[in-house]
Amino acid sequence: SGVSMISVRHALERLEREGRIVRHQGVGTFVAERRIMMEPSRPGEFLQTLSTATRPADMATKLVHLAVGLPSQGVADALSIPQGQPVWEIVRLRSLRDKPAILERAILPLHLVPSLDQDKLANGGSLYRFLFENHGLNDAHIEQFFEVVQPSRTEQHHLNIGGDELVVRIRGVSFTANDIAFDCWQQTYRACDFIFSISGVGERRLMKAENISPWSVTPFPTVGES
């Protein structure tokens, strides 16, 4: 084509930086899959925050963990509850087109959410729709924190990625119109698969970024354990 190898190499490097191609050493160069647009600031059901090109049929959900336990101090602070007050912990893995893509975790105060539907959660049902219809909880606004980091061992395992890859980790708290925190959640995305779009700036700040410590839950012992 009358183009030097240096020009070709620079062009491929630029296309790779833009996410348009994927290069595998010793294998070849391939057109990259189209990234998924994600709008984390949009309230409501999870699927509504994804691009319209993503259909419900594209997504599969696996319920990884559902239990009641005691929150860490970070969770208690985020939810404005005593540390000894029980919470639900829900972990689900979302796969898009048979590829693990999103690991999501929700922590809910038991006194606000006395019951959950395990079957609906396992089948990919909307947690927020359930909370609204059964417990009158609606996310009037949310506050979120983003970080781009190397994945934890748990994230590596569920998302099937290496420790040298990057993930986008979003932690947020959902509030009712009366500023009652009812869900602190974390979503981990494969960084190379998503583009994030943020719109709208709220003046509320119920959480201080400098006080956001790690979130964890200590499960209650199961029957037969001491």
C-alpha atoms as a PDB file:
ATOM      1  CA  SER A   1       0.000   0.000   0.000  1.00  0.00           C
ATOM      2  CA  GLY A   2       3.031   2.275  -0.097  1.00  0.00           C
ATOM      3  CA  VAL A   3       2.928   2.855   3.693  1.00  0.00           C
ATOM      4  CA  SER A   4       5.998   2.317   5.834  1.00  0.00           C
ATOM      5  CA  MET A   5       5.981  -0.235   8.662  1.00  0.00           C
ATOM      6  CA  ILE A   6       6.640   2.574  11.140  1.00  0.00           C
ATOM      7  CA  SER A   7       3.461   4.367  10.026  1.00  0.00           C
ATOM      8  CA  VAL A   8       1.481   1.124  10.242  1.00  0.00           C
ATOM      9  CA  ARG A   9       2.831   0.424  13.735  1.00  0.00           C
ATOM     10  CA  HIS A  10       1.951   3.928  14.955  1.00  0.00           C
ATOM     11  CA  ALA A  11      -1.534   3.644  13.466  1.00  0.00           C
ATOM     12  CA  LEU A  12      -2.151   0.298  15.177  1.00  0.00           C
ATOM     13  CA  GLU A  13      -0.890   1.657  18.498  1.00  0.00           C
ATOM     14  CA  ARG A  14      -3.296   4.591  18.234  1.00  0.00           C
ATOM     15  CA  LEU A  15      -6.219   2.339  17.349  1.00  0.00           C
ATOM     16  CA  GLU A  16      -5.380   0.141  20.328  1.00  0.00           C
ATOM     17  CA  ARG A  17      -5.287   3.153  22.682  1.00  0.00           C
ATOM     18  CA  GLU A  18      -8.699   4.184  21.377  1.00  0.00           C
ATOM     19  CA  GLY A  19     -10.062   0.706  22.090  1.00  0.00           C
ATOM     20  CA  ARG A  20     -10.865   0.004  18.441  1.00  0.00           C
ATOM     21  CA  ILE A  21      -8.593  -3.030  18.086  1.00  0.00           C
ATOM     22  CA  VAL A  22      -7.203  -5.737  20.355  1.00  0.00           C
ATOM     23  CA  ARG A  23      -3.672  -7.064  19.804  1.00  0.00           C
ATOM     24  CA  HIS A  24      -2.535 -10.461  21.080  1.00  0.00           C
ATOM     25  CA  GLN A  25       1.170 -11.185  20.834  1.00  0.00           C
ATOM     26  CA  GLY A  26       1.845 -14.191  18.630  1.00  0.00           C
ATOM     27  CA  VAL A  27      -1.810 -14.437  17.604  1.00  0.00           C
ATOM     28  CA  GLY A  28      -2.781 -11.322  15.685  1.00  0.00           C
ATOM     29  CA  THR A  29      -4.727  -8.046  15.671  1.00  0.00           C
ATOM     30  CA  PHE A  30      -8.516  -8.087  15.883  1.00  0.00           C
ATOM     31  CA  VAL A  31     -11.358  -5.577  15.775  1.00  0.00           C
ATOM     32  CA  ALA A  32     -12.431  -4.906  19.360  1.00  0.00           C
ATOM     33  CA  GLU A  33     -15.972  -5.500  20.550  1.00  0.00           C
ATOM     34  CA  ARG A  34     -18.024  -2.358  20.909  1.00  0.00           C
ATOM     35  CA  ARG A  35     -17.831  -0.924  24.411  1.00  0.00           C
ATOM     36  CA  ILE A  36     -20.998  -0.726  26.471  1.00  0.00           C
ATOM     37  CA  MET A  37     -22.210   2.722  27.506  1.00  0.00           C
ATOM     38  CA  MET A  38     -22.991   2.911  31.224  1.00  0.00           C
ATOM     39  CA  GLU A  39     -24.809   5.797  32.930  1.00  0.00           C
ATOM     40  CA  PRO A  40     -24.271   5.188  36.662  1.00  0.00           C
ATOM     41  CA  SER A  41     -25.884   8.495  37.673  1.00  0.00           C
ATOM     42  CA  ARG A  42     -29.249   7.431  36.233  1.00  0.00           C
ATOM     43  CA  PRO A  43     -31.544   6.194  39.038  1.00  0.00           C
ATOM     44  CA  GLY A  44     -33.747   3.149  38.754  1.00  0.00           C
ATOM     45  CA  GLU A  45     -33.300  -0.406  37.585  1.00  0.00           C
ATOM     46  CA  PHE A  46     -29.844  -1.659  36.678  1.00  0.00           C
ATOM     47  CA  LEU A  47     -30.556  -2.471  33.036  1.00  0.00           C
ATOM     48  CA  GLN A  48     -31.840   1.078  32.479  1.00  0.00           C
ATOM     49  CA  THR A  49     -28.358   2.428  33.236  1.00  0.00           C
ATOM     50  CA  LEU A  50     -26.856   0.488  30.306  1.00  0.00           C
ATOM     51  CA  SER A  51     -26.925   1.568  26.679  1.00  0.00           C
ATOM     52  CA  THR A  52     -30.097   0.879  24.728  1.00  0.00           C
ATOM     53  CA  ALA A  53     -28.104  -1.569  22.596  1.00  0.00           C
ATOM     54  CA  THR A  54     -28.007  -3.927  25.585  1.00  0.00           C
ATOM     55  CA  ARG A  55     -31.142  -6.048  25.760  1.00  0.00           C
ATOM     56  CA  PRO A  56     -32.372  -8.126  28.721  1.00  0.00           C
ATOM     57  CA  ALA A  57     -31.665 -11.238  26.653  1.00  0.00           C
ATOM     58  CA  ASP A  58     -27.990 -10.245  26.483  1.00  0.00           C
ATOM     59  CA  MET A  59     -27.601 -10.442  30.257  1.00  0.00           C
ATOM     60  CA  ALA A  60     -27.419 -13.402  32.607  1.00  0.00           C
ATOM     61  CA  THR A  61     -27.368 -13.119  36.397  1.00  0.00           C
ATOM     62  CA  LYS A  62     -25.825 -15.422  38.988  1.00  0.00           C
ATOM     63  CA  LEU A  63     -26.605 -14.998  42.674  1.00  0.00           C
ATOM     64  CA  VAL A  64     -23.229 -15.442  44.362  1.00  0.00           C
ATOM     65  CA  HIS A  65     -24.106 -14.630  47.971  1.00  0.00           C
ATOM     66  CA  LEU A  66     -27.147 -13.696  50.061  1.00  0.00           C
ATOM     67  CA  ALA A  67     -26.930 -13.516  53.839  1.00  0.00           C
ATOM     68  CA  VAL A  68     -27.538 -11.412  56.932  1.00  0.00           C
ATOM     69  CA  GLY A  69     -24.587 -10.191  58.975  1.00  0.00           C
ATOM     70  CA  LEU A  70     -23.087  -7.303  60.899  1.00  0.00           C
ATOM     71  CA  PRO A  71     -21.733  -4.261  59.051  1.00  0.00           C
ATOM     72  CA  SER A  72     -18.226  -2.870  59.279  1.00  0.00           C
ATOM     73  CA  GLN A  73     -17.825   0.651  60.616  1.00  0.00           C
ATOM     74  CA  GLY A  74     -17.614   1.942  57.043  1.00  0.00           C
ATOM     75  CA  VAL A  75     -20.962   0.383  56.140  1.00  0.00           C
ATOM     76  CA  ALA A  76     -22.564   1.629  59.363  1.00  0.00           C
ATOM     77  CA  ASP A  77     -21.362   5.166  58.641  1.00  0.00           C
ATOM     78  CA  ALA A  78     -22.604   5.035  55.048  1.00  0.00           C
ATOM     79  CA  LEU A  79     -26.051   3.807  56.107  1.00  0.00           C
ATOM     80  CA  SER A  80     -26.193   5.936  59.282  1.00  0.00           C
ATOM     81  CA  ILE A  81     -26.914   2.907  61.482  1.00  0.00           C
ATOM     82  CA  PRO A  82     -25.253   1.454  64.597  1.00  0.00           C
ATOM     83  CA  GLN A  83     -22.485  -1.025  63.798  1.00  0.00           C
ATOM     84  CA  GLY A  84     -24.360  -3.760  65.695  1.00  0.00           C
ATOM     85  CA  GLN A  85     -27.487  -3.456  63.554  1.00  0.00           C
ATOM     86  CA  PRO A  86     -27.904  -6.376  61.089  1.00  0.00           C
ATOM     87  CA  VAL A  87     -27.777  -5.889  57.321  1.00  0.00           C
ATOM     88  CA  TRP A  88     -28.403  -7.910  54.193  1.00  0.00           C
ATOM     89  CA  GLU A  89     -25.460  -8.570  51.905  1.00  0.00           C
ATOM     90  CA  ILE A  90     -26.242  -9.480  48.292  1.00  0.00           C
ATOM     91  CA  VAL A  91     -23.580 -10.320  45.695  1.00  0.00           C
ATOM     92  CA  ARG A  92     -24.524 -10.940  42.061  1.00  0.00           C
ATOM     93  CA  LEU A  93     -22.483 -11.514  38.914  1.00  0.00           C
ATOM     94  CA  ARG A  94     -23.772 -10.063  35.665  1.00  0.00           C
ATOM     95  CA  SER A  95     -22.625 -11.605  32.390  1.00  0.00           C
ATOM     96  CA  LEU A  96     -23.148  -9.922  29.037  1.00  0.00           C
ATOM     97  CA  ARG A  97     -23.313 -12.167  25.993  1.00  0.00           C
ATOM     98  CA  ASP A  98     -21.903 -15.058  28.078  1.00  0.00           C
ATOM     99  CA  LYS A  99     -18.919 -13.007  29.277  1.00  0.00           C
ATOM    100  CA  PRO A 100     -18.530 -12.074  32.987  1.00  0.00           C
ATOM    101  CA  ALA A 101     -18.752  -8.282  33.030  1.00  0.00           C
ATOM    102  CA  ILE A 102     -20.039  -6.795  36.283  1.00  0.00           C
ATOM    103  CA  LEU A 103     -19.736  -7.903  39.902  1.00  0.00           C
ATOM    104  CA  GLU A 104     -22.282  -6.090  42.044  1.00  0.00           C
ATOM    105  CA  ARG A 105     -22.773  -5.994  45.784  1.00  0.00           C
ATOM    106  CA  ALA A 106     -25.595  -4.416  47.792  1.00  0.00           C
ATOM    107  CA  ILE A 107     -25.842  -3.934  51.556  1.00  0.00           C
ATOM    108  CA  LEU A 108     -29.292  -3.122  52.977  1.00  0.00           C
ATOM    109  CA  PRO A 109     -30.363  -2.385  56.587  1.00  0.00           C
ATOM    110  CA  LEU A 110     -32.520  -5.213  57.887  1.00  0.00           C
ATOM    111  CA  HIS A 111     -34.859  -2.828  59.733  1.00  0.00           C
ATOM    112  CA  LEU A 112     -35.756  -1.108  56.444  1.00  0.00           C
ATOM    113  CA  VAL A 113     -35.751  -4.286  54.341  1.00  0.00           C
ATOM    114  CA  PRO A 114     -37.124  -7.116  56.498  1.00  0.00           C
ATOM    115  CA  SER A 115     -37.520  -9.496  53.539  1.00  0.00           C
ATOM    116  CA  LEU A 116     -36.008 -10.276  50.129  1.00  0.00           C
ATOM    117  CA  ASP A 117     -37.059 -12.552  47.273  1.00  0.00           C
ATOM    118  CA  GLN A 118     -34.116 -14.884  46.661  1.00  0.00           C
ATOM    119  CA  ASP A 119     -35.643 -16.424  43.532  1.00  0.00           C
ATOM    120  CA  LYS A 120     -36.182 -13.030  41.877  1.00  0.00           C
ATOM    121  CA  LEU A 121     -32.657 -11.936  42.693  1.00  0.00           C
ATOM    122  CA  ALA A 122     -31.218 -15.180  41.327  1.00  0.00           C
ATOM    123  CA  ASN A 123     -33.210 -14.755  38.105  1.00  0.00           C
ATOM    124  CA  GLY A 124     -31.917 -11.240  37.518  1.00  0.00           C
ATOM    125  CA  GLY A 125     -34.933  -9.380  38.871  1.00  0.00           C
ATOM    126  CA  SER A 126     -34.522  -5.711  39.730  1.00  0.00           C
ATOM    127  CA  LEU A 127     -33.592  -5.187  43.371  1.00  0.00           C
ATOM    128  CA  TYR A 128     -34.759  -1.567  43.291  1.00  0.00           C
ATOM    129  CA  ARG A 129     -38.139  -2.472  41.843  1.00  0.00           C
ATOM    130  CA  PHE A 130     -38.584  -5.028  44.638  1.00  0.00           C
ATOM    131  CA  LEU A 131     -37.551  -2.480  47.285  1.00  0.00           C
ATOM    132  CA  PHE A 132     -40.038   0.056  45.950  1.00  0.00           C
ATOM    133  CA  GLU A 133     -42.958  -2.335  45.492  1.00  0.00           C
ATOM    134  CA  ASN A 134     -42.524  -4.229  48.760  1.00  0.00           C
ATOM    135  CA  HIS A 135     -40.915  -1.760  51.155  1.00  0.00           C
ATOM    136  CA  GLY A 136     -41.679   1.674  49.691  1.00  0.00           C
ATOM    137  CA  LEU A 137     -37.993   2.545  49.193  1.00  0.00           C
ATOM    138  CA  ASN A 138     -37.143   4.628  46.144  1.00  0.00           C
ATOM    139  CA  ASP A 139     -33.758   6.104  45.192  1.00  0.00           C
ATOM    140  CA  ALA A 140     -34.495   9.828  45.001  1.00  0.00           C
ATOM    141  CA  HIS A 141     -30.768  10.534  44.711  1.00  0.00           C
ATOM    142  CA  ILE A 142     -27.453   8.736  44.962  1.00  0.00           C
ATOM    143  CA  GLU A 143     -23.876   9.623  45.827  1.00  0.00           C
ATOM    144  CA  GLN A 144     -21.036   7.720  44.155  1.00  0.00           C
ATOM    145  CA  PHE A 145     -17.274   7.317  44.260  1.00  0.00           C
ATOM    146  CA  PHE A 146     -15.237   6.033  41.309  1.00  0.00           C
ATOM    147  CA  GLU A 147     -11.815   4.424  41.270  1.00  0.00           C
ATOM    148  CA  VAL A 148      -9.749   2.648  38.620  1.00  0.00           C
ATOM    149  CA  VAL A 149      -7.703  -0.072  40.329  1.00  0.00           C
ATOM    150  CA  GLN A 150      -6.286  -3.539  39.988  1.00  0.00           C
ATOM    151  CA  PRO A 151      -8.893  -6.158  40.918  1.00  0.00           C
ATOM    152  CA  SER A 152      -9.070  -7.985  44.208  1.00  0.00           C
ATOM    153  CA  ARG A 153      -8.752 -11.772  44.221  1.00  0.00           C
ATOM    154  CA  THR A 154     -12.528 -12.086  44.468  1.00  0.00           C
ATOM    155  CA  GLU A 155     -13.007  -9.782  41.477  1.00  0.00           C
ATOM    156  CA  GLN A 156     -10.363 -11.667  39.487  1.00  0.00           C
ATOM    157  CA  HIS A 157     -12.122 -14.957  40.183  1.00  0.00           C
ATOM    158  CA  HIS A 158     -15.658 -13.881  39.299  1.00  0.00           C
ATOM    159  CA  LEU A 159     -14.782 -11.633  36.343  1.00  0.00           C
ATOM    160  CA  ASN A 160     -12.227 -14.132  35.012  1.00  0.00           C
ATOM    161  CA  ILE A 161      -9.454 -11.553  34.628  1.00  0.00           C
ATOM    162  CA  GLY A 162      -5.803 -11.321  35.597  1.00  0.00           C
ATOM    163  CA  GLY A 163      -4.370  -9.275  38.420  1.00  0.00           C
ATOM    164  CA  ASP A 164      -2.576  -6.977  35.988  1.00  0.00           C
ATOM    165  CA  GLU A 165      -5.819  -5.841  34.333  1.00  0.00           C
ATOM    166  CA  LEU A 166      -7.732  -2.786  35.531  1.00  0.00           C
ATOM    167  CA  VAL A 167     -11.294  -2.549  36.782  1.00  0.00           C
ATOM    168  CA  VAL A 168     -13.594   0.391  37.390  1.00  0.00           C
ATOM    169  CA  ARG A 169     -15.015   0.156  40.886  1.00  0.00           C
ATOM    170  CA  ILE A 170     -17.997   2.322  41.813  1.00  0.00           C
ATOM    171  CA  ARG A 171     -19.210   2.614  45.379  1.00  0.00           C
ATOM    172  CA  GLY A 172     -22.424   4.446  46.099  1.00  0.00           C
ATOM    173  CA  VAL A 173     -25.211   5.069  48.582  1.00  0.00           C
ATOM    174  CA  SER A 174     -28.881   5.409  47.621  1.00  0.00           C
ATOM    175  CA  PHE A 175     -31.132   7.802  49.546  1.00  0.00           C
ATOM    176  CA  THR A 176     -34.890   8.283  49.763  1.00  0.00           C
ATOM    177  CA  ALA A 177     -36.449  11.717  49.258  1.00  0.00           C
ATOM    178  CA  ASN A 178     -36.174  12.135  53.054  1.00  0.00           C
ATOM    179  CA  ASP A 179     -32.392  11.520  52.909  1.00  0.00           C
ATOM    180  CA  ILE A 180     -32.648   8.070  54.470  1.00  0.00           C
ATOM    181  CA  ALA A 181     -29.806   5.821  53.287  1.00  0.00           C
ATOM    182  CA  PHE A 182     -31.214   2.403  52.398  1.00  0.00           C
ATOM    183  CA  ASP A 183     -28.535   0.813  50.200  1.00  0.00           C
ATOM    184  CA  CYS A 184     -24.764   1.070  50.042  1.00  0.00           C
ATOM    185  CA  TRP A 185     -23.520  -0.745  46.986  1.00  0.00           C
ATOM    186  CA  GLN A 186     -20.427  -1.535  44.974  1.00  0.00           C
ATOM    187  CA  GLN A 187     -20.159  -2.395  41.296  1.00  0.00           C
ATOM    188  CA  THR A 188     -16.968  -3.624  39.632  1.00  0.00           C
ATOM    189  CA  TYR A 189     -16.632  -3.434  35.852  1.00  0.00           C
ATOM    190  CA  ARG A 190     -14.055  -4.774  33.435  1.00  0.00           C
ATOM    191  CA  ALA A 191     -12.449  -1.451  32.512  1.00  0.00           C
ATOM    192  CA  CYS A 192     -11.823  -2.354  28.865  1.00  0.00           C
ATOM    193  CA  ASP A 193     -15.492  -3.201  28.206  1.00  0.00           C
ATOM    194  CA  PHE A 194     -17.298  -0.047  29.333  1.00  0.00           C
ATOM    195  CA  ILE A 195     -17.566   3.691  28.763  1.00  0.00           C
ATOM    196  CA  PHE A 196     -19.097   5.750  31.584  1.00  0.00           C
ATOM    197  CA  SER A 197     -21.346   8.749  31.041  1.00  0.00           C
ATOM    198  CA  ILE A 198     -22.139  11.098  33.939  1.00  0.00           C
ATOM    199  CA  SER A 199     -24.691  13.901  33.709  1.00  0.00           C
ATOM    200  CA  GLY A 200     -26.159  16.258  36.264  1.00  0.00           C
ATOM    201  CA  VAL A 201     -24.524  17.670  39.372  1.00  0.00           C
ATOM    202  CA  GLY A 202     -26.299  17.662  42.719  1.00  0.00           C
ATOM    203  CA  GLU A 203     -25.469  20.048  45.523  1.00  0.00           C
ATOM    204  CA  ARG A 204     -26.245  17.536  48.248  1.00  0.00           C
ATOM    205  CA  ARG A 205     -23.339  15.935  50.034  1.00  0.00           C
ATOM    206  CA  LEU A 206     -24.519  13.552  52.751  1.00  0.00           C
ATOM    207  CA  MET A 207     -21.294  11.535  52.557  1.00  0.00           C
ATOM    208  CA  LYS A 208     -17.773  12.873  52.874  1.00  0.00           C
ATOM    209  CA  ALA A 209     -15.278  11.263  50.534  1.00  0.00           C
ATOM    210  CA  GLU A 210     -12.457  11.411  53.072  1.00  0.00           C
ATOM    211  CA  ASN A 211     -14.517   9.301  55.490  1.00  0.00           C
ATOM    212  CA  ILE A 212     -15.311   6.448  53.089  1.00  0.00           C
ATOM    213  CA  SER A 213     -13.554   3.478  54.647  1.00  0.00           C
ATOM    214  CA  PRO A 214     -13.730  -0.081  53.219  1.00  0.00           C
ATOM    215  CA  TRP A 215     -17.128  -1.768  53.331  1.00  0.00           C
ATOM    216  CA  SER A 216     -17.482  -5.289  54.642  1.00  0.00           C
ATOM    217  CA  VAL A 217     -20.050  -7.479  56.385  1.00  0.00           C
ATOM    218  CA  THR A 218     -19.395 -10.204  58.959  1.00  0.00           C
ATOM    219  CA  PRO A 219     -21.867 -13.065  58.339  1.00  0.00           C
ATOM    220  CA  PHE A 220     -23.774 -14.560  61.215  1.00  0.00           C
ATOM    221  CA  PRO A 221     -22.809 -18.168  62.012  1.00  0.00           C
ATOM    222  CA  THR A 222     -24.975 -20.728  60.229  1.00  0.00           C
ATOM    223  CA  VAL A 223     -26.883 -23.432  62.085  1.00  0.00           C
ATOM    224  CA  GLY A 224     -24.513 -25.935  63.649  1.00  0.00           C
ATOM    225  CA  GLU A 225     -21.566 -23.505  63.882  1.00  0.00           C
ATOM    226  CA  SER A 226     -20.405 -21.983  67.103  1.00  0.00           C
END
